[in-house]
PDB file of N, CA and C in Angstrom:
ATOM      1  N   MET A   1     -86.805  84.710  34.148  1.00  0.00           N
ATOM      2  CA  MET A   1     -87.593  83.692  34.805  1.00  0.00           C
ATOM      3  C   MET A   1     -87.019  83.375  36.186  1.00  0.00           C
ATOM      4  N   ASP A   2     -85.713  83.186  36.277  1.00  0.00           N
ATOM      5  CA  ASP A   2     -85.109  82.810  37.550  1.00  0.00           C
ATOM      6  C   ASP A   2     -85.396  83.836  38.643  1.00  0.00           C
ATOM      7  N   ALA A   3     -85.299  85.114  38.296  1.00  0.00           N
ATOM      8  CA  ALA A   3     -85.546  86.161  39.290  1.00  0.00           C
ATOM      9  C   ALA A   3     -86.993  86.111  39.767  1.00  0.00           C
ATOM     10  N   TRP A   4     -87.920  85.881  38.847  1.00  0.00           N
ATOM     11  CA  TRP A   4     -89.331  85.814  39.234  1.00  0.00           C
ATOM     12  C   TRP A   4     -89.591  84.615  40.130  1.00  0.00           C
ATOM     13  N   ILE A   5     -89.024  83.467  39.783  1.00  0.00           N
ATOM     14  CA  ILE A   5     -89.203  82.259  40.596  1.00  0.00           C
ATOM     15  C   ILE A   5     -88.592  82.462  41.977  1.00  0.00           C
ATOM     16  N   ASP A   6     -87.440  83.114  42.036  1.00  0.00           N
ATOM     17  CA  ASP A   6     -86.825  83.408  43.341  1.00  0.00           C
ATOM     18  C   ASP A   6     -87.722  84.333  44.168  1.00  0.00           C
ATOM     19  N   ARG A   7     -88.309  85.331  43.519  1.00  0.00           N
ATOM     20  CA  ARG A   7     -89.226  86.233  44.247  1.00  0.00           C
ATOM     21  C   ARG A   7     -90.466  85.480  44.719  1.00  0.00           C
ATOM     22  N   LEU A   8     -90.970  84.565  43.889  1.00  0.00           N
ATOM     23  CA  LEU A   8     -92.127  83.768  44.289  1.00  0.00           C
ATOM     24  C   LEU A   8     -91.781  82.909  45.506  1.00  0.00           C
ATOM     25  N   ALA A   9     -90.633  82.247  45.468  1.00  0.00           N
ATOM     26  CA  ALA A   9     -90.204  81.431  46.610  1.00  0.00           C
ATOM     27  C   ALA A   9     -90.133  82.271  47.868  1.00  0.00           C
ATOM     28  N   GLN A  10     -89.537  83.449  47.768  1.00  0.00           N
ATOM     29  CA  GLN A  10     -89.429  84.338  48.928  1.00  0.00           C
ATOM     30  C   GLN A  10     -90.807  84.762  49.423  1.00  0.00           C
ATOM     31  N   THR A  11     -91.694  85.103  48.517  1.00  0.00           N
ATOM     32  CA  THR A  11     -93.050  85.520  48.881  1.00  0.00           C
ATOM     33  C   THR A  11     -93.790  84.401  49.605  1.00  0.00           C
ATOM     34  N   LEU A  12     -93.539  83.156  49.182  1.00  0.00           N
ATOM     35  CA  LEU A  12     -94.206  81.999  49.784  1.00  0.00           C
ATOM     36  C   LEU A  12     -93.481  81.476  51.021  1.00  0.00           C
ATOM     37  N   GLY A  13     -92.362  82.095  51.366  1.00  0.00           N
ATOM     38  CA  GLY A  13     -91.608  81.666  52.537  1.00  0.00           C
ATOM     39  C   GLY A  13     -90.832  80.383  52.313  1.00  0.00           C
ATOM     40  N   GLU A  14     -90.445  80.129  51.072  1.00  0.00           N
ATOM     41  CA  GLU A  14     -89.700  78.917  50.719  1.00  0.00           C
ATOM     42  C   GLU A  14     -88.283  79.269  50.294  1.00  0.00           C
ATOM     43  N   ASP A  15     -87.396  78.283  50.393  1.00  0.00           N
ATOM     44  CA  ASP A  15     -86.047  78.458  49.872  1.00  0.00           C
ATOM     45  C   ASP A  15     -86.123  78.515  48.359  1.00  0.00           C
ATOM     46  N   PRO A  16     -85.247  79.302  47.732  1.00  0.00           N
ATOM     47  CA  PRO A  16     -85.238  79.324  46.263  1.00  0.00           C
ATOM     48  C   PRO A  16     -84.885  77.948  45.712  1.00  0.00           C
ATOM     49  N   LEU A  17     -85.307  77.688  44.497  1.00  0.00           N
ATOM     50  CA  LEU A  17     -84.969  76.431  43.836  1.00  0.00           C
ATOM     51  C   LEU A  17     -83.489  76.445  43.465  1.00  0.00           C
ATOM     52  N   SER A  18     -82.842  75.313  43.648  1.00  0.00           N
ATOM     53  CA  SER A  18     -81.478  75.173  43.153  1.00  0.00           C
ATOM     54  C   SER A  18     -81.559  74.944  41.648  1.00  0.00           C
ATOM     55  N   ALA A  19     -80.443  75.121  40.968  1.00  0.00           N
ATOM     56  CA  ALA A  19     -80.424  74.878  39.516  1.00  0.00           C
ATOM     57  C   ALA A  19     -80.806  73.434  39.188  1.00  0.00           C
ATOM     58  N   PRO A  20     -80.289  72.421  39.929  1.00  0.00           N
ATOM     59  CA  PRO A  20     -80.714  71.054  39.631  1.00  0.00           C
ATOM     60  C   PRO A  20     -82.203  70.807  39.895  1.00  0.00           C
ATOM     61  N   GLU A  21     -82.743  71.418  40.951  1.00  0.00           N
ATOM     62  CA  GLU A  21     -84.184  71.273  41.226  1.00  0.00           C
ATOM     63  C   GLU A  21     -84.997  71.853  40.075  1.00  0.00           C
ATOM     64  N   ALA A  22     -84.637  73.057  39.648  1.00  0.00           N
ATOM     65  CA  ALA A  22     -85.374  73.714  38.566  1.00  0.00           C
ATOM     66  C   ALA A  22     -85.307  72.877  37.288  1.00  0.00           C
ATOM     67  N   GLU A  23     -84.126  72.374  36.961  1.00  0.00           N
ATOM     68  CA  GLU A  23     -83.970  71.572  35.761  1.00  0.00           C
ATOM     69  C   GLU A  23     -84.810  70.296  35.834  1.00  0.00           C
ATOM     70  N   SER A  24     -84.789  69.628  36.988  1.00  0.00           N
ATOM     71  CA  SER A  24     -85.573  68.393  37.154  1.00  0.00           C
ATOM     72  C   SER A  24     -87.069  68.666  37.046  1.00  0.00           C
ATOM     73  N   LEU A  25     -87.516  69.760  37.635  1.00  0.00           N
ATOM     74  CA  LEU A  25     -88.936  70.105  37.561  1.00  0.00           C
ATOM     75  C   LEU A  25     -89.362  70.433  36.132  1.00  0.00           C
ATOM     76  N   LEU A  26     -88.524  71.187  35.428  1.00  0.00           N
ATOM     77  CA  LEU A  26     -88.849  71.524  34.042  1.00  0.00           C
ATOM     78  C   LEU A  26     -88.872  70.280  33.155  1.00  0.00           C
ATOM     79  N   GLU A  27     -87.946  69.352  33.385  1.00  0.00           N
ATOM     80  CA  GLU A  27     -87.939  68.105  32.621  1.00  0.00           C
ATOM     81  C   GLU A  27     -89.201  67.291  32.895  1.00  0.00           C
ATOM     82  N   ALA A  28     -89.587  67.208  34.162  1.00  0.00           N
ATOM     83  CA  ALA A  28     -90.792  66.454  34.508  1.00  0.00           C
ATOM     84  C   ALA A  28     -92.026  67.100  33.880  1.00  0.00           C
ATOM     85  N   ALA A  29     -92.097  68.420  33.910  1.00  0.00           N
ATOM     86  CA  ALA A  29     -93.237  69.118  33.308  1.00  0.00           C
ATOM     87  C   ALA A  29     -93.288  68.860  31.804  1.00  0.00           C
ATOM     88  N   ARG A  30     -92.130  68.887  31.160  1.00  0.00           N
ATOM     89  CA  ARG A  30     -92.073  68.595  29.725  1.00  0.00           C
ATOM     90  C   ARG A  30     -92.548  67.174  29.442  1.00  0.00           C
ATOM     91  N   ASP A  31     -92.089  66.229  30.279  1.00  0.00           N
ATOM     92  CA  ASP A  31     -92.479  64.832  30.086  1.00  0.00           C
ATOM     93  C   ASP A  31     -93.990  64.646  30.229  1.00  0.00           C
ATOM     94  N   VAL A  32     -94.573  65.312  31.213  1.00  0.00           N
ATOM     95  CA  VAL A  32     -96.022  65.224  31.403  1.00  0.00           C
ATOM     96  C   VAL A  32     -96.743  65.866  30.215  1.00  0.00           C
ATOM     97  N   ALA A  33     -96.288  67.042  29.809  1.00  0.00           N
ATOM     98  CA  ALA A  33     -96.948  67.756  28.715  1.00  0.00           C
ATOM     99  C   ALA A  33     -96.924  66.955  27.417  1.00  0.00           C
ATOM    100  N   HIS A  34     -95.805  66.301  27.147  1.00  0.00           N
ATOM    101  CA  HIS A  34     -95.674  65.574  25.876  1.00  0.00           C
ATOM    102  C   HIS A  34     -96.093  64.113  25.978  1.00  0.00           C
ATOM    103  N   GLY A  35     -95.997  63.549  27.186  1.00  0.00           N
ATOM    104  CA  GLY A  35     -96.287  62.134  27.342  1.00  0.00           C
ATOM    105  C   GLY A  35     -97.684  61.814  27.826  1.00  0.00           C
ATOM    106  N   VAL A  36     -98.348  62.789  28.394  1.00  0.00           N
ATOM    107  CA  VAL A  36     -99.702  62.567  28.910  1.00  0.00           C
ATOM    108  C   VAL A  36    -100.635  63.556  28.225  1.00  0.00           C
ATOM    109  N   GLU A  37    -100.663  64.775  28.737  1.00  0.00           N
ATOM    110  CA  GLU A  37    -101.492  65.820  28.130  1.00  0.00           C
ATOM    111  C   GLU A  37    -101.036  67.162  28.675  1.00  0.00           C
ATOM    112  N   ARG A  38    -100.904  68.114  27.785  1.00  0.00           N
ATOM    113  CA  ARG A  38    -100.378  69.431  28.152  1.00  0.00           C
ATOM    114  C   ARG A  38    -101.173  70.083  29.290  1.00  0.00           C
ATOM    115  N   ARG A  39    -102.481  69.976  29.250  1.00  0.00           N
ATOM    116  CA  ARG A  39    -103.289  70.699  30.238  1.00  0.00           C
ATOM    117  C   ARG A  39    -103.194  70.131  31.652  1.00  0.00           C
ATOM    118  N   VAL A  40    -102.671  68.919  31.815  1.00  0.00           N
ATOM    119  CA  VAL A  40    -102.514  68.379  33.173  1.00  0.00           C
ATOM    120  C   VAL A  40    -101.159  68.725  33.783  1.00  0.00           C
ATOM    121  N   THR A  41    -100.298  69.392  33.010  1.00  0.00           N
ATOM    122  CA  THR A  41     -98.962  69.734  33.503  1.00  0.00           C
ATOM    123  C   THR A  41     -99.011  70.588  34.768  1.00  0.00           C
ATOM    124  N   PRO A  42     -99.753  71.694  34.799  1.00  0.00           N
ATOM    125  CA  PRO A  42     -99.769  72.484  36.037  1.00  0.00           C
ATOM    126  C   PRO A  42    -100.386  71.728  37.214  1.00  0.00           C
ATOM    127  N   LEU A  43    -101.368  70.888  36.932  1.00  0.00           N
ATOM    128  CA  LEU A  43    -101.980  70.104  38.007  1.00  0.00           C
ATOM    129  C   LEU A  43    -100.981  69.082  38.557  1.00  0.00           C
ATOM    130  N   SER A  44    -100.208  68.487  37.656  1.00  0.00           N
ATOM    131  CA  SER A  44     -99.182  67.537  38.075  1.00  0.00           C
ATOM    132  C   SER A  44     -98.120  68.233  38.916  1.00  0.00           C
ATOM    133  N   ALA A  45     -97.727  69.427  38.502  1.00  0.00           N
ATOM    134  CA  ALA A  45     -96.726  70.192  39.258  1.00  0.00           C
ATOM    135  C   ALA A  45     -97.250  70.538  40.654  1.00  0.00           C
ATOM    136  N   PHE A  46     -98.511  70.898  40.739  1.00  0.00           N
ATOM    137  CA  PHE A  46     -99.117  71.197  42.034  1.00  0.00           C
ATOM    138  C   PHE A  46     -99.083  69.972  42.940  1.00  0.00           C
ATOM    139  N   LEU A  47     -99.528  68.828  42.420  1.00  0.00           N
ATOM    140  CA  LEU A  47     -99.549  67.608  43.232  1.00  0.00           C
ATOM    141  C   LEU A  47     -98.145  67.185  43.648  1.00  0.00           C
ATOM    142  N   ALA A  48     -97.176  67.337  42.753  1.00  0.00           N
ATOM    143  CA  ALA A  48     -95.792  67.017  43.103  1.00  0.00           C
ATOM    144  C   ALA A  48     -95.315  67.930  44.228  1.00  0.00           C
ATOM    145  N   GLY A  49     -95.641  69.206  44.143  1.00  0.00           N
ATOM    146  CA  GLY A  49     -95.258  70.151  45.190  1.00  0.00           C
ATOM    147  C   GLY A  49     -95.893  69.822  46.530  1.00  0.00           C
ATOM    148  N   VAL A  50     -97.152  69.447  46.500  1.00  0.00           N
ATOM    149  CA  VAL A  50     -97.831  69.040  47.736  1.00  0.00           C
ATOM    150  C   VAL A  50     -97.132  67.823  48.340  1.00  0.00           C
ATOM    151  N   ALA A  51     -96.796  66.854  47.486  1.00  0.00           N
ATOM    152  CA  ALA A  51     -96.137  65.642  47.975  1.00  0.00           C
ATOM    153  C   ALA A  51     -94.776  65.952  48.584  1.00  0.00           C
ATOM    154  N   VAL A  52     -94.021  66.831  47.947  1.00  0.00           N
ATOM    155  CA  VAL A  52     -92.718  67.222  48.506  1.00  0.00           C
ATOM    156  C   VAL A  52     -92.912  67.961  49.827  1.00  0.00           C
ATOM    157  N   GLY A  53     -93.918  68.808  49.881  1.00  0.00           N
ATOM    158  CA  GLY A  53     -94.190  69.561  51.105  1.00  0.00           C
ATOM    159  C   GLY A  53     -94.600  68.693  52.279  1.00  0.00           C
ATOM    160  N   ARG A  54     -95.128  67.525  52.000  1.00  0.00           N
ATOM    161  CA  ARG A  54     -95.555  66.611  53.069  1.00  0.00           C
ATOM    162  C   ARG A  54     -94.482  65.591  53.428  1.00  0.00           C
ATOM    163  N   ARG A  55     -93.282  65.831  52.977  1.00  0.00           N
ATOM    164  CA  ARG A  55     -92.186  64.888  53.256  1.00  0.00           C
ATOM    165  C   ARG A  55     -91.968  64.749  54.756  1.00  0.00           C
ATOM    166  N   PRO A  56     -91.448  63.595  55.161  1.00  0.00           N
ATOM    167  CA  PRO A  56     -91.134  63.423  56.581  1.00  0.00           C
ATOM    168  C   PRO A  56     -90.061  64.421  57.005  1.00  0.00           C
ATOM    169  N   ALA A  57     -90.067  64.774  58.263  1.00  0.00           N
ATOM    170  CA  ALA A  57     -89.098  65.749  58.783  1.00  0.00           C
ATOM    171  C   ALA A  57     -87.660  65.278  58.588  1.00  0.00           C
ATOM    172  N   THR A  58     -87.472  63.992  58.462  1.00  0.00           N
ATOM    173  CA  THR A  58     -86.118  63.442  58.315  1.00  0.00           C
ATOM    174  C   THR A  58     -85.636  63.431  56.866  1.00  0.00           C
ATOM    175  N   GLU A  59     -86.504  63.797  55.924  1.00  0.00           N
ATOM    176  CA  GLU A  59     -86.147  63.751  54.505  1.00  0.00           C
ATOM    177  C   GLU A  59     -85.920  65.165  53.991  1.00  0.00           C
ATOM    178  N   SER A  60     -84.779  65.397  53.353  1.00  0.00           N
ATOM    179  CA  SER A  60     -84.489  66.723  52.809  1.00  0.00           C
ATOM    180  C   SER A  60     -85.367  67.006  51.593  1.00  0.00           C
ATOM    181  N   ARG A  61     -85.480  68.275  51.260  1.00  0.00           N
ATOM    182  CA  ARG A  61     -86.311  68.658  50.124  1.00  0.00           C
ATOM    183  C   ARG A  61     -85.795  68.051  48.827  1.00  0.00           C
ATOM    184  N   ASP A  62     -84.467  68.040  48.639  1.00  0.00           N
ATOM    185  CA  ASP A  62     -83.940  67.500  47.387  1.00  0.00           C
ATOM    186  C   ASP A  62     -84.170  65.994  47.264  1.00  0.00           C
ATOM    187  N   VAL A  63     -84.100  65.276  48.382  1.00  0.00           N
ATOM    188  CA  VAL A  63     -84.380  63.838  48.354  1.00  0.00           C
ATOM    189  C   VAL A  63     -85.865  63.599  48.080  1.00  0.00           C
ATOM    190  N   ALA A  64     -86.720  64.375  48.729  1.00  0.00           N
ATOM    191  CA  ALA A  64     -88.167  64.239  48.509  1.00  0.00           C
ATOM    192  C   ALA A  64     -88.521  64.571  47.068  1.00  0.00           C
ATOM    193  N   LEU A  65     -87.913  65.617  46.529  1.00  0.00           N
ATOM    194  CA  LEU A  65     -88.188  65.991  45.144  1.00  0.00           C
ATOM    195  C   LEU A  65     -87.758  64.883  44.188  1.00  0.00           C
ATOM    196  N   ALA A  66     -86.594  64.315  44.417  1.00  0.00           N
ATOM    197  CA  ALA A  66     -86.125  63.218  43.564  1.00  0.00           C
ATOM    198  C   ALA A  66     -87.085  62.037  43.635  1.00  0.00           C
ATOM    199  N   ARG A  67     -87.556  61.712  44.826  1.00  0.00           N
ATOM    200  CA  ARG A  67     -88.494  60.597  45.005  1.00  0.00           C
ATOM    201  C   ARG A  67     -89.812  60.863  44.265  1.00  0.00           C
ATOM    202  N   VAL A  68     -90.338  62.058  44.427  1.00  0.00           N
ATOM    203  CA  VAL A  68     -91.615  62.414  43.794  1.00  0.00           C
ATOM    204  C   VAL A  68     -91.473  62.443  42.272  1.00  0.00           C
ATOM    205  N   LEU A  69     -90.386  63.026  41.777  1.00  0.00           N
ATOM    206  CA  LEU A  69     -90.207  63.100  40.329  1.00  0.00           C
ATOM    207  C   LEU A  69     -89.956  61.731  39.715  1.00  0.00           C
ATOM    208  N   ALA A  70     -89.342  60.834  40.463  1.00  0.00           N
ATOM    209  CA  ALA A  70     -89.192  59.455  39.979  1.00  0.00           C
ATOM    210  C   ALA A  70     -90.564  58.808  39.816  1.00  0.00           C
ATOM    211  N   ALA A  71     -91.461  59.078  40.744  1.00  0.00           N
ATOM    212  CA  ALA A  71     -92.819  58.540  40.637  1.00  0.00           C
ATOM    213  C   ALA A  71     -93.551  59.138  39.439  1.00  0.00           C
ATOM    214  N   VAL A  72     -93.363  60.440  39.209  1.00  0.00           N
ATOM    215  CA  VAL A  72     -93.979  61.095  38.045  1.00  0.00           C
ATOM    216  C   VAL A  72     -93.459  60.461  36.762  1.00  0.00           C
ATOM    217  N   ARG A  73     -92.129  60.314  36.670  1.00  0.00           N
ATOM    218  CA  ARG A  73     -91.536  59.722  35.465  1.00  0.00           C
ATOM    219  C   ARG A  73     -92.053  58.306  35.214  1.00  0.00           C
ATOM    220  N   ALA A  74     -92.137  57.526  36.272  1.00  0.00           N
ATOM    221  CA  ALA A  74     -92.619  56.134  36.124  1.00  0.00           C
ATOM    222  C   ALA A  74     -94.050  56.132  35.606  1.00  0.00           C
ATOM    223  N   LEU A  75     -94.866  57.031  36.117  1.00  0.00           N
ATOM    224  CA  LEU A  75     -96.252  57.085  35.685  1.00  0.00           C
ATOM    225  C   LEU A  75     -96.347  57.550  34.223  1.00  0.00           C
ATOM    226  N   VAL A  76     -95.541  58.539  33.852  1.00  0.00           N
ATOM    227  CA  VAL A  76     -95.536  59.004  32.467  1.00  0.00           C
ATOM    228  C   VAL A  76     -95.076  57.884  31.533  1.00  0.00           C
ATOM    229  N   GLU A  77     -94.024  57.164  31.935  1.00  0.00           N
ATOM    230  CA  GLU A  77     -93.547  56.046  31.110  1.00  0.00           C
ATOM    231  C   GLU A  77     -94.609  54.969  30.985  1.00  0.00           C
ATOM    232  N   GLY A  78     -95.326  54.709  32.063  1.00  0.00           N
ATOM    233  CA  GLY A  78     -96.426  53.749  32.004  1.00  0.00           C
ATOM    234  C   GLY A  78     -97.529  54.196  31.083  1.00  0.00           C
ATOM    235  N   GLU A  79     -97.763  55.496  31.055  1.00  0.00           N
ATOM    236  CA  GLU A  79     -98.792  56.054  30.163  1.00  0.00           C
ATOM    237  C   GLU A  79     -98.370  55.877  28.709  1.00  0.00           C
ATOM    238  N   ALA A  80     -97.081  56.044  28.442  1.00  0.00           N
ATOM    239  CA  ALA A  80     -96.578  55.862  27.082  1.00  0.00           C
ATOM    240  C   ALA A  80     -96.758  54.414  26.641  1.00  0.00           C
ATOM    241  N   GLY A  81     -96.564  53.480  27.564  1.00  0.00           N
ATOM    242  CA  GLY A  81     -96.755  52.069  27.262  1.00  0.00           C
ATOM    243  C   GLY A  81     -98.208  51.726  26.990  1.00  0.00           C
ATOM    244  N   ARG A  82     -99.097  52.438  27.649  1.00  0.00           N
ATOM    245  CA  ARG A  82    -100.540  52.196  27.428  1.00  0.00           C
ATOM    246  C   ARG A  82    -100.986  52.706  26.079  1.00  0.00           C
ATOM    247  N   SER A  83    -100.343  53.792  25.606  1.00  0.00           N
ATOM    248  CA  SER A  83    -100.742  54.411  24.338  1.00  0.00           C
ATOM    249  C   SER A  83    -100.266  53.621  23.140  1.00  0.00           C
ATOM    250  N   GLY A  84     -99.143  52.889  23.317  1.00  0.00           N
ATOM    251  CA  GLY A  84     -98.529  52.243  22.164  1.00  0.00           C
ATOM    252  C   GLY A  84     -99.042  50.898  21.836  1.00  0.00           C
TER     253      GLY A  84
END
């Protein structure tokens, strides 16, 4: 998987994912799949990627990713509260 993701990043002209980035993204995807609905996971990942890509020039990718994933987690946690 890692080699394929690295090739995808290169093909798209992006830096490869760091191990912490990959782990955080996989955790967020799992949380969405189990806490909201499995079929919205890829759509959520797309929107998170768009949000990170639109970060201000002064914000690093890892900081933007942390900010976006915190928003995803908060929304998933809120969804869990609505279900219970």
